[in-house]
Amino acid sequence: MTYIITNACVDVQDQSCIEVCPVDCIHFEEGADRMCYVHPDECIDCAACESACPVGAIFAEEQAPAEAAEFTAINALWFADKAAARAKVEEVASRGLSIT
C-alpha cells in the first residue's frame, strides 16, 4: 500500500504533507509542478500526510475515490518520467476532474 496525492492538490501545493512526512517521500519541483507526488516505494504508510493536507487531496491508495484512480499511476510516473507525469496532470486538470 501507498498513499497518493490527487487532483485537489493541483495548483495548491500547500506542502504541509512534505513537512510531516517522516521519510521525505513527498516531492515536487517548484515552478515546474502543479502538485506534489508520493514516491510509492518509499512511502511507509504512516498516514501522517493524509491528516496534514488541508484540502483533502491525500488518500490511501485503496481508499481513493474511483474518479481519482489514475493518480496512483501519476504519482509513480513522476519518479520515472517527470515530463510525462506533468502532461498527465495537465490532461486531468483540463478535464476539470472533481473529487468530492
PDB file of N, CA and C in Angstrom:
ATOM      1  N   MET A   1       0.842  -1.182   0.000  1.00  0.00           N
ATOM      2  CA  MET A   1       0.000   0.000   0.000  1.00  0.00           C
ATOM      3  C   MET A   1       0.883   1.241   0.000  1.00  0.00           C
ATOM      4  N   THR A   2       0.342   2.280  -0.564  1.00  0.00           N
ATOM      5  CA  THR A   2       0.993   3.587  -0.529  1.00  0.00           C
ATOM      6  C   THR A   2      -0.098   4.650  -0.446  1.00  0.00           C
ATOM      7  N   TYR A   3       0.301   5.818  -0.148  1.00  0.00           N
ATOM      8  CA  TYR A   3      -0.618   6.947  -0.188  1.00  0.00           C
ATOM      9  C   TYR A   3      -0.410   7.659  -1.513  1.00  0.00           C
ATOM     10  N   ILE A   4      -1.466   8.292  -2.003  1.00  0.00           N
ATOM     11  CA  ILE A   4      -1.367   9.033  -3.256  1.00  0.00           C
ATOM     12  C   ILE A   4      -1.923  10.434  -3.049  1.00  0.00           C
ATOM     13  N   ILE A   5      -1.416  11.344  -3.851  1.00  0.00           N
ATOM     14  CA  ILE A   5      -1.919  12.712  -3.856  1.00  0.00           C
ATOM     15  C   ILE A   5      -2.747  12.865  -5.117  1.00  0.00           C
ATOM     16  N   THR A   6      -3.936  13.425  -4.964  1.00  0.00           N
ATOM     17  CA  THR A   6      -4.878  13.527  -6.068  1.00  0.00           C
ATOM     18  C   THR A   6      -5.046  14.971  -6.539  1.00  0.00           C
ATOM     19  N   ASN A   7      -6.008  15.167  -7.416  1.00  0.00           N
ATOM     20  CA  ASN A   7      -6.174  16.453  -8.098  1.00  0.00           C
ATOM     21  C   ASN A   7      -6.478  17.643  -7.190  1.00  0.00           C
ATOM     22  N   ALA A   8      -6.941  17.433  -5.994  1.00  0.00           N
ATOM     23  CA  ALA A   8      -7.214  18.566  -5.109  1.00  0.00           C
ATOM     24  C   ALA A   8      -5.946  19.347  -4.786  1.00  0.00           C
ATOM     25  N   CYS A   9      -4.800  18.732  -4.995  1.00  0.00           N
ATOM     26  CA  CYS A   9      -3.512  19.389  -4.757  1.00  0.00           C
ATOM     27  C   CYS A   9      -3.100  20.292  -5.919  1.00  0.00           C
ATOM     28  N   VAL A  10      -3.677  20.058  -7.099  1.00  0.00           N
ATOM     29  CA  VAL A  10      -3.268  20.809  -8.288  1.00  0.00           C
ATOM     30  C   VAL A  10      -3.427  22.308  -8.033  1.00  0.00           C
ATOM     31  N   ASP A  11      -2.341  23.014  -8.237  1.00  0.00           N
ATOM     32  CA  ASP A  11      -2.250  24.469  -8.070  1.00  0.00           C
ATOM     33  C   ASP A  11      -2.400  24.942  -6.623  1.00  0.00           C
ATOM     34  N   VAL A  12      -2.378  24.007  -5.665  1.00  0.00           N
ATOM     35  CA  VAL A  12      -2.431  24.375  -4.249  1.00  0.00           C
ATOM     36  C   VAL A  12      -1.051  24.201  -3.627  1.00  0.00           C
ATOM     37  N   GLN A  13      -0.514  23.000  -3.673  1.00  0.00           N
ATOM     38  CA  GLN A  13       0.818  22.676  -3.162  1.00  0.00           C
ATOM     39  C   GLN A  13       1.080  23.276  -1.785  1.00  0.00           C
ATOM     40  N   ASP A  14       0.189  23.026  -0.862  1.00  0.00           N
ATOM     41  CA  ASP A  14       0.309  23.553   0.497  1.00  0.00           C
ATOM     42  C   ASP A  14       1.606  23.125   1.172  1.00  0.00           C
ATOM     43  N   GLN A  15       2.071  21.948   0.900  1.00  0.00           N
ATOM     44  CA  GLN A  15       3.327  21.382   1.402  1.00  0.00           C
ATOM     45  C   GLN A  15       3.308  20.976   2.866  1.00  0.00           C
ATOM     46  N   SER A  16       2.154  21.030   3.512  1.00  0.00           N
ATOM     47  CA  SER A  16       2.065  20.525   4.885  1.00  0.00           C
ATOM     48  C   SER A  16       2.419  19.049   4.922  1.00  0.00           C
ATOM     49  N   CYS A  17       2.072  18.339   3.869  1.00  0.00           N
ATOM     50  CA  CYS A  17       2.378  16.905   3.797  1.00  0.00           C
ATOM     51  C   CYS A  17       3.886  16.666   3.770  1.00  0.00           C
ATOM     52  N   ILE A  18       4.593  17.503   3.062  1.00  0.00           N
ATOM     53  CA  ILE A  18       6.048  17.367   2.972  1.00  0.00           C
ATOM     54  C   ILE A  18       6.678  17.587   4.345  1.00  0.00           C
ATOM     55  N   GLU A  19       6.157  18.559   5.064  1.00  0.00           N
ATOM     56  CA  GLU A  19       6.705  18.899   6.376  1.00  0.00           C
ATOM     57  C   GLU A  19       6.542  17.774   7.396  1.00  0.00           C
ATOM     58  N   VAL A  20       5.457  16.997   7.291  1.00  0.00           N
ATOM     59  CA  VAL A  20       5.210  15.963   8.301  1.00  0.00           C
ATOM     60  C   VAL A  20       5.694  14.573   7.897  1.00  0.00           C
ATOM     61  N   CYS A  21       6.074  14.375   6.664  1.00  0.00           N
ATOM     62  CA  CYS A  21       6.491  13.047   6.208  1.00  0.00           C
ATOM     63  C   CYS A  21       7.802  12.640   6.887  1.00  0.00           C
ATOM     64  N   PRO A  22       7.781  11.539   7.649  1.00  0.00           N
ATOM     65  CA  PRO A  22       8.987  11.142   8.383  1.00  0.00           C
ATOM     66  C   PRO A  22      10.079  10.539   7.502  1.00  0.00           C
ATOM     67  N   VAL A  23       9.746  10.161   6.264  1.00  0.00           N
ATOM     68  CA  VAL A  23      10.744   9.552   5.389  1.00  0.00           C
ATOM     69  C   VAL A  23      11.020  10.393   4.136  1.00  0.00           C
ATOM     70  N   ASP A  24      10.506  11.599   4.099  1.00  0.00           N
ATOM     71  CA  ASP A  24      10.740  12.525   2.983  1.00  0.00           C
ATOM     72  C   ASP A  24      10.452  11.894   1.626  1.00  0.00           C
ATOM     73  N   CYS A  25       9.275  11.264   1.505  1.00  0.00           N
ATOM     74  CA  CYS A  25       8.928  10.606   0.243  1.00  0.00           C
ATOM     75  C   CYS A  25       7.958  11.419  -0.609  1.00  0.00           C
ATOM     76  N   ILE A  26       7.684  12.655  -0.205  1.00  0.00           N
ATOM     77  CA  ILE A  26       6.776  13.515  -0.977  1.00  0.00           C
ATOM     78  C   ILE A  26       7.613  14.623  -1.605  1.00  0.00           C
ATOM     79  N   HIS A  27       7.437  14.774  -2.920  1.00  0.00           N
ATOM     80  CA  HIS A  27       8.289  15.701  -3.665  1.00  0.00           C
ATOM     81  C   HIS A  27       7.503  16.518  -4.678  1.00  0.00           C
ATOM     82  N   PHE A  28       8.100  17.590  -5.128  1.00  0.00           N
ATOM     83  CA  PHE A  28       7.656  18.373  -6.270  1.00  0.00           C
ATOM     84  C   PHE A  28       8.781  19.336  -6.599  1.00  0.00           C
ATOM     85  N   GLU A  29       8.749  19.860  -7.812  1.00  0.00           N
ATOM     86  CA  GLU A  29       9.738  20.852  -8.214  1.00  0.00           C
ATOM     87  C   GLU A  29       9.027  22.187  -8.375  1.00  0.00           C
ATOM     88  N   GLU A  30       9.388  23.120  -7.508  1.00  0.00           N
ATOM     89  CA  GLU A  30       8.766  24.435  -7.532  1.00  0.00           C
ATOM     90  C   GLU A  30       8.982  25.090  -8.887  1.00  0.00           C
ATOM     91  N   GLY A  31       7.912  25.650  -9.411  1.00  0.00           N
ATOM     92  CA  GLY A  31       7.970  26.314 -10.706  1.00  0.00           C
ATOM     93  C   GLY A  31       7.743  25.385 -11.885  1.00  0.00           C
ATOM     94  N   ALA A  32       7.818  24.074 -11.646  1.00  0.00           N
ATOM     95  CA  ALA A  32       7.627  23.117 -12.734  1.00  0.00           C
ATOM     96  C   ALA A  32       6.389  22.255 -12.527  1.00  0.00           C
ATOM     97  N   ASP A  33       6.070  21.945 -11.277  1.00  0.00           N
ATOM     98  CA  ASP A  33       4.964  21.039 -10.987  1.00  0.00           C
ATOM     99  C   ASP A  33       3.743  21.787 -10.474  1.00  0.00           C
ATOM    100  N   ARG A  34       2.583  21.220 -10.781  1.00  0.00           N
ATOM    101  CA  ARG A  34       1.318  21.797 -10.325  1.00  0.00           C
ATOM    102  C   ARG A  34       0.784  21.085  -9.089  1.00  0.00           C
ATOM    103  N   MET A  35       1.463  20.014  -8.673  1.00  0.00           N
ATOM    104  CA  MET A  35       1.039  19.271  -7.491  1.00  0.00           C
ATOM    105  C   MET A  35       2.247  18.552  -6.881  1.00  0.00           C
ATOM    106  N   CYS A  36       2.042  17.977  -5.722  1.00  0.00           N
ATOM    107  CA  CYS A  36       3.074  17.165  -5.057  1.00  0.00           C
ATOM    108  C   CYS A  36       2.834  15.694  -5.382  1.00  0.00           C
ATOM    109  N   TYR A  37       3.876  14.873  -5.205  1.00  0.00           N
ATOM    110  CA  TYR A  37       3.820  13.449  -5.557  1.00  0.00           C
ATOM    111  C   TYR A  37       4.424  12.603  -4.446  1.00  0.00           C
ATOM    112  N   VAL A  38       3.812  11.432  -4.177  1.00  0.00           N
ATOM    113  CA  VAL A  38       4.310  10.489  -3.184  1.00  0.00           C
ATOM    114  C   VAL A  38       5.065   9.383  -3.910  1.00  0.00           C
ATOM    115  N   HIS A  39       6.283   9.114  -3.448  1.00  0.00           N
ATOM    116  CA  HIS A  39       7.072   8.023  -4.026  1.00  0.00           C
ATOM    117  C   HIS A  39       6.506   6.704  -3.492  1.00  0.00           C
ATOM    118  N   PRO A  40       5.965   5.860  -4.372  1.00  0.00           N
ATOM    119  CA  PRO A  40       5.290   4.647  -3.908  1.00  0.00           C
ATOM    120  C   PRO A  40       6.207   3.623  -3.242  1.00  0.00           C
ATOM    121  N   ASP A  41       7.477   3.620  -3.568  1.00  0.00           N
ATOM    122  CA  ASP A  41       8.395   2.647  -2.966  1.00  0.00           C
ATOM    123  C   ASP A  41       8.991   3.133  -1.647  1.00  0.00           C
ATOM    124  N   GLU A  42       8.896   4.415  -1.386  1.00  0.00           N
ATOM    125  CA  GLU A  42       9.469   4.976  -0.162  1.00  0.00           C
ATOM    126  C   GLU A  42       8.425   5.241   0.917  1.00  0.00           C
ATOM    127  N   CYS A  43       7.166   5.331   0.521  1.00  0.00           N
ATOM    128  CA  CYS A  43       6.080   5.594   1.471  1.00  0.00           C
ATOM    129  C   CYS A  43       5.988   4.433   2.462  1.00  0.00           C
ATOM    130  N   ILE A  44       5.915   4.764   3.756  1.00  0.00           N
ATOM    131  CA  ILE A  44       5.832   3.734   4.794  1.00  0.00           C
ATOM    132  C   ILE A  44       4.410   3.600   5.336  1.00  0.00           C
ATOM    133  N   ASP A  45       3.458   4.199   4.688  1.00  0.00           N
ATOM    134  CA  ASP A  45       2.038   4.071   5.044  1.00  0.00           C
ATOM    135  C   ASP A  45       1.718   4.566   6.449  1.00  0.00           C
ATOM    136  N   CYS A  46       2.378   5.602   6.883  1.00  0.00           N
ATOM    137  CA  CYS A  46       2.153   6.104   8.239  1.00  0.00           C
ATOM    138  C   CYS A  46       0.913   6.996   8.344  1.00  0.00           C
ATOM    139  N   ALA A  47       0.442   7.515   7.216  1.00  0.00           N
ATOM    140  CA  ALA A  47      -0.763   8.353   7.143  1.00  0.00           C
ATOM    141  C   ALA A  47      -0.578   9.761   7.704  1.00  0.00           C
ATOM    142  N   ALA A  48       0.622  10.147   8.062  1.00  0.00           N
ATOM    143  CA  ALA A  48       0.837  11.492   8.599  1.00  0.00           C
ATOM    144  C   ALA A  48       0.456  12.559   7.581  1.00  0.00           C
ATOM    145  N   CYS A  49       0.717  12.301   6.323  1.00  0.00           N
ATOM    146  CA  CYS A  49       0.424  13.270   5.268  1.00  0.00           C
ATOM    147  C   CYS A  49      -1.071  13.469   5.074  1.00  0.00           C
ATOM    148  N   GLU A  50      -1.826  12.403   5.195  1.00  0.00           N
ATOM    149  CA  GLU A  50      -3.271  12.459   4.943  1.00  0.00           C
ATOM    150  C   GLU A  50      -3.950  13.479   5.850  1.00  0.00           C
ATOM    151  N   SER A  51      -3.667  13.418   7.134  1.00  0.00           N
ATOM    152  CA  SER A  51      -4.312  14.342   8.069  1.00  0.00           C
ATOM    153  C   SER A  51      -3.721  15.745   7.997  1.00  0.00           C
ATOM    154  N   ALA A  52      -2.523  15.875   7.472  1.00  0.00           N
ATOM    155  CA  ALA A  52      -1.892  17.197   7.365  1.00  0.00           C
ATOM    156  C   ALA A  52      -2.403  17.999   6.170  1.00  0.00           C
ATOM    157  N   CYS A  53      -2.967  17.328   5.191  1.00  0.00           N
ATOM    158  CA  CYS A  53      -3.398  18.003   3.964  1.00  0.00           C
ATOM    159  C   CYS A  53      -4.660  18.830   4.208  1.00  0.00           C
ATOM    160  N   PRO A  54      -4.590  20.145   4.034  1.00  0.00           N
ATOM    161  CA  PRO A  54      -5.747  20.993   4.311  1.00  0.00           C
ATOM    162  C   PRO A  54      -6.838  20.917   3.244  1.00  0.00           C
ATOM    163  N   VAL A  55      -6.546  20.322   2.092  1.00  0.00           N
ATOM    164  CA  VAL A  55      -7.548  20.255   1.025  1.00  0.00           C
ATOM    165  C   VAL A  55      -8.045  18.835   0.765  1.00  0.00           C
ATOM    166  N   GLY A  56      -7.646  17.872   1.585  1.00  0.00           N
ATOM    167  CA  GLY A  56      -8.126  16.504   1.441  1.00  0.00           C
ATOM    168  C   GLY A  56      -7.710  15.832   0.150  1.00  0.00           C
ATOM    169  N   ALA A  57      -6.490  16.102  -0.289  1.00  0.00           N
ATOM    170  CA  ALA A  57      -6.005  15.560  -1.559  1.00  0.00           C
ATOM    171  C   ALA A  57      -5.307  14.223  -1.425  1.00  0.00           C
ATOM    172  N   ILE A  58      -5.080  13.753  -0.197  1.00  0.00           N
ATOM    173  CA  ILE A  58      -4.270  12.553   0.014  1.00  0.00           C
ATOM    174  C   ILE A  58      -5.131  11.404   0.533  1.00  0.00           C
ATOM    175  N   PHE A  59      -4.932  10.251  -0.104  1.00  0.00           N
ATOM    176  CA  PHE A  59      -5.695   9.053   0.243  1.00  0.00           C
ATOM    177  C   PHE A  59      -4.772   7.846   0.282  1.00  0.00           C
ATOM    178  N   ALA A  60      -5.132   6.868   1.104  1.00  0.00           N
ATOM    179  CA  ALA A  60      -4.512   5.559   0.969  1.00  0.00           C
ATOM    180  C   ALA A  60      -4.935   5.054  -0.407  1.00  0.00           C
ATOM    181  N   GLU A  61      -4.024   4.443  -1.117  1.00  0.00           N
ATOM    182  CA  GLU A  61      -4.284   4.004  -2.486  1.00  0.00           C
ATOM    183  C   GLU A  61      -5.608   3.250  -2.612  1.00  0.00           C
ATOM    184  N   GLU A  62      -5.878   2.332  -1.709  1.00  0.00           N
ATOM    185  CA  GLU A  62      -7.098   1.521  -1.767  1.00  0.00           C
ATOM    186  C   GLU A  62      -8.353   2.304  -1.428  1.00  0.00           C
ATOM    187  N   GLN A  63      -8.214   3.448  -0.790  1.00  0.00           N
ATOM    188  CA  GLN A  63      -9.369   4.223  -0.359  1.00  0.00           C
ATOM    189  C   GLN A  63      -9.626   5.449  -1.226  1.00  0.00           C
ATOM    190  N   ALA A  64      -8.849   5.620  -2.250  1.00  0.00           N
ATOM    191  CA  ALA A  64      -9.038   6.776  -3.135  1.00  0.00           C
ATOM    192  C   ALA A  64     -10.364   6.632  -3.876  1.00  0.00           C
ATOM    193  N   PRO A  65     -11.047   7.737  -4.085  1.00  0.00           N
ATOM    194  CA  PRO A  65     -12.288   7.685  -4.867  1.00  0.00           C
ATOM    195  C   PRO A  65     -12.008   7.129  -6.263  1.00  0.00           C
ATOM    196  N   ALA A  66     -12.968   6.442  -6.829  1.00  0.00           N
ATOM    197  CA  ALA A  66     -12.800   5.814  -8.147  1.00  0.00           C
ATOM    198  C   ALA A  66     -12.347   6.823  -9.195  1.00  0.00           C
ATOM    199  N   GLU A  67     -12.866   8.041  -9.128  1.00  0.00           N
ATOM    200  CA  GLU A  67     -12.502   9.056 -10.119  1.00  0.00           C
ATOM    201  C   GLU A  67     -11.059   9.552  -9.964  1.00  0.00           C
ATOM    202  N   ALA A  68     -10.410   9.139  -8.892  1.00  0.00           N
ATOM    203  CA  ALA A  68      -9.013   9.530  -8.673  1.00  0.00           C
ATOM    204  C   ALA A  68      -8.046   8.373  -8.883  1.00  0.00           C
ATOM    205  N   ALA A  69      -8.534   7.264  -9.372  1.00  0.00           N
ATOM    206  CA  ALA A  69      -7.703   6.065  -9.521  1.00  0.00           C
ATOM    207  C   ALA A  69      -6.462   6.313 -10.362  1.00  0.00           C
ATOM    208  N   GLU A  70      -6.555   7.157 -11.366  1.00  0.00           N
ATOM    209  CA  GLU A  70      -5.404   7.403 -12.239  1.00  0.00           C
ATOM    210  C   GLU A  70      -4.251   8.093 -11.515  1.00  0.00           C
ATOM    211  N   PHE A  71      -4.505   8.657 -10.351  1.00  0.00           N
ATOM    212  CA  PHE A  71      -3.443   9.344  -9.625  1.00  0.00           C
ATOM    213  C   PHE A  71      -2.442   8.385  -8.988  1.00  0.00           C
ATOM    214  N   THR A  72      -2.802   7.129  -8.820  1.00  0.00           N
ATOM    215  CA  THR A  72      -1.820   6.139  -8.368  1.00  0.00           C
ATOM    216  C   THR A  72      -0.696   6.062  -9.395  1.00  0.00           C
ATOM    217  N   ALA A  73      -1.067   5.944 -10.652  1.00  0.00           N
ATOM    218  CA  ALA A  73      -0.075   5.866 -11.728  1.00  0.00           C
ATOM    219  C   ALA A  73       0.649   7.196 -11.918  1.00  0.00           C
ATOM    220  N   ILE A  74      -0.060   8.295 -11.794  1.00  0.00           N
ATOM    221  CA  ILE A  74       0.567   9.614 -11.982  1.00  0.00           C
ATOM    222  C   ILE A  74       1.631   9.857 -10.915  1.00  0.00           C
ATOM    223  N   ASN A  75       1.327   9.519  -9.654  1.00  0.00           N
ATOM    224  CA  ASN A  75       2.321   9.701  -8.592  1.00  0.00           C
ATOM    225  C   ASN A  75       3.568   8.882  -8.880  1.00  0.00           C
ATOM    226  N   ALA A  76       3.403   7.626  -9.254  1.00  0.00           N
ATOM    227  CA  ALA A  76       4.549   6.755  -9.549  1.00  0.00           C
ATOM    228  C   ALA A  76       5.297   7.228 -10.789  1.00  0.00           C
ATOM    229  N   LEU A  77       4.568   7.676 -11.792  1.00  0.00           N
ATOM    230  CA  LEU A  77       5.179   8.111 -13.050  1.00  0.00           C
ATOM    231  C   LEU A  77       6.145   9.277 -12.848  1.00  0.00           C
ATOM    232  N   TRP A  78       5.827  10.169 -11.929  1.00  0.00           N
ATOM    233  CA  TRP A  78       6.672  11.348 -11.717  1.00  0.00           C
ATOM    234  C   TRP A  78       8.101  10.955 -11.366  1.00  0.00           C
ATOM    235  N   PHE A  79       8.269   9.852 -10.677  1.00  0.00           N
ATOM    236  CA  PHE A  79       9.607   9.422 -10.273  1.00  0.00           C
ATOM    237  C   PHE A  79      10.371   8.724 -11.389  1.00  0.00           C
ATOM    238  N   ALA A  80       9.666   8.358 -12.457  1.00  0.00           N
ATOM    239  CA  ALA A  80      10.301   7.721 -13.617  1.00  0.00           C
ATOM    240  C   ALA A  80      10.426   8.672 -14.794  1.00  0.00           C
ATOM    241  N   ASP A  81       9.411   9.548 -14.961  1.00  0.00           N
ATOM    242  CA  ASP A  81       9.356  10.448 -16.115  1.00  0.00           C
ATOM    243  C   ASP A  81       8.544  11.684 -15.738  1.00  0.00           C
ATOM    244  N   LYS A  82       9.227  12.680 -15.198  1.00  0.00           N
ATOM    245  CA  LYS A  82       8.552  13.875 -14.704  1.00  0.00           C
ATOM    246  C   LYS A  82       7.722  14.563 -15.792  1.00  0.00           C
ATOM    247  N   ALA A  83       8.261  14.655 -16.995  1.00  0.00           N
ATOM    248  CA  ALA A  83       7.537  15.327 -18.090  1.00  0.00           C
ATOM    249  C   ALA A  83       6.231  14.608 -18.398  1.00  0.00           C
ATOM    250  N   ALA A  84       6.259  13.299 -18.423  1.00  0.00           N
ATOM    251  CA  ALA A  84       5.044  12.535 -18.702  1.00  0.00           C
ATOM    252  C   ALA A  84       4.021  12.715 -17.583  1.00  0.00           C
ATOM    253  N   ALA A  85       4.464  12.729 -16.341  1.00  0.00           N
ATOM    254  CA  ALA A  85       3.551  12.936 -15.214  1.00  0.00           C
ATOM    255  C   ALA A  85       2.939  14.327 -15.280  1.00  0.00           C
ATOM    256  N   ARG A  86       3.745  15.317 -15.600  1.00  0.00           N
ATOM    257  CA  ARG A  86       3.223  16.687 -15.716  1.00  0.00           C
ATOM    258  C   ARG A  86       2.192  16.782 -16.833  1.00  0.00           C
ATOM    259  N   ALA A  87       2.429  16.081 -17.925  1.00  0.00           N
ATOM    260  CA  ALA A  87       1.476  16.078 -19.037  1.00  0.00           C
ATOM    261  C   ALA A  87       0.157  15.439 -18.604  1.00  0.00           C
ATOM    262  N   LYS A  88       0.229  14.361 -17.832  1.00  0.00           N
ATOM    263  CA  LYS A  88      -0.986  13.709 -17.329  1.00  0.00           C
ATOM    264  C   LYS A  88      -1.759  14.639 -16.398  1.00  0.00           C
ATOM    265  N   VAL A  89      -1.050  15.371 -15.545  1.00  0.00           N
ATOM    266  CA  VAL A  89      -1.708  16.316 -14.643  1.00  0.00           C
ATOM    267  C   VAL A  89      -2.400  17.401 -15.469  1.00  0.00           C
ATOM    268  N   GLU A  90      -1.747  17.887 -16.498  1.00  0.00           N
ATOM    269  CA  GLU A  90      -2.369  18.891 -17.380  1.00  0.00           C
ATOM    270  C   GLU A  90      -3.640  18.332 -18.011  1.00  0.00           C
ATOM    271  N   GLU A  91      -3.565  17.088 -18.475  1.00  0.00           N
ATOM    272  CA  GLU A  91      -4.723  16.436 -19.084  1.00  0.00           C
ATOM    273  C   GLU A  91      -5.897  16.328 -18.095  1.00  0.00           C
ATOM    274  N   VAL A  92      -5.584  15.877 -16.896  1.00  0.00           N
ATOM    275  CA  VAL A  92      -6.627  15.741 -15.864  1.00  0.00           C
ATOM    276  C   VAL A  92      -7.202  17.106 -15.510  1.00  0.00           C
ATOM    277  N   ALA A  93      -6.339  18.091 -15.341  1.00  0.00           N
ATOM    278  CA  ALA A  93      -6.802  19.434 -14.988  1.00  0.00           C
ATOM    279  C   ALA A  93      -7.692  20.013 -16.094  1.00  0.00           C
ATOM    280  N   SER A  94      -7.366  19.723 -17.336  1.00  0.00           N
ATOM    281  CA  SER A  94      -8.162  20.255 -18.445  1.00  0.00           C
ATOM    282  C   SER A  94      -9.550  19.606 -18.502  1.00  0.00           C
ATOM    283  N   ARG A  95      -9.662  18.385 -17.961  1.00  0.00           N
ATOM    284  CA  ARG A  95     -10.967  17.715 -17.899  1.00  0.00           C
ATOM    285  C   ARG A  95     -11.804  18.225 -16.725  1.00  0.00           C
ATOM    286  N   GLY A  96     -11.164  18.952 -15.818  1.00  0.00           N
ATOM    287  CA  GLY A  96     -11.879  19.502 -14.664  1.00  0.00           C
ATOM    288  C   GLY A  96     -12.339  18.452 -13.675  1.00  0.00           C
ATOM    289  N   LEU A  97     -11.535  17.401 -13.508  1.00  0.00           N
ATOM    290  CA  LEU A  97     -11.877  16.325 -12.579  1.00  0.00           C
ATOM    291  C   LEU A  97     -12.122  16.898 -11.187  1.00  0.00           C
ATOM    292  N   SER A  98     -13.205  16.483 -10.585  1.00  0.00           N
ATOM    293  CA  SER A  98     -13.536  16.945  -9.249  1.00  0.00           C
ATOM    294  C   SER A  98     -13.758  15.748  -8.341  1.00  0.00           C
ATOM    295  N   ILE A  99     -13.132  15.756  -7.197  1.00  0.00           N
ATOM    296  CA  ILE A  99     -13.316  14.693  -6.206  1.00  0.00           C
ATOM    297  C   ILE A  99     -14.036  15.311  -5.016  1.00  0.00           C
ATOM    298  N   THR A 100     -15.205  14.811  -4.773  1.00  0.00           N
ATOM    299  CA  THR A 100     -15.979  15.351  -3.649  1.00  0.00           C
ATOM    300  C   THR A 100     -16.314  14.266  -2.673  1.00  0.00           C
TER     301      THR A 100
END
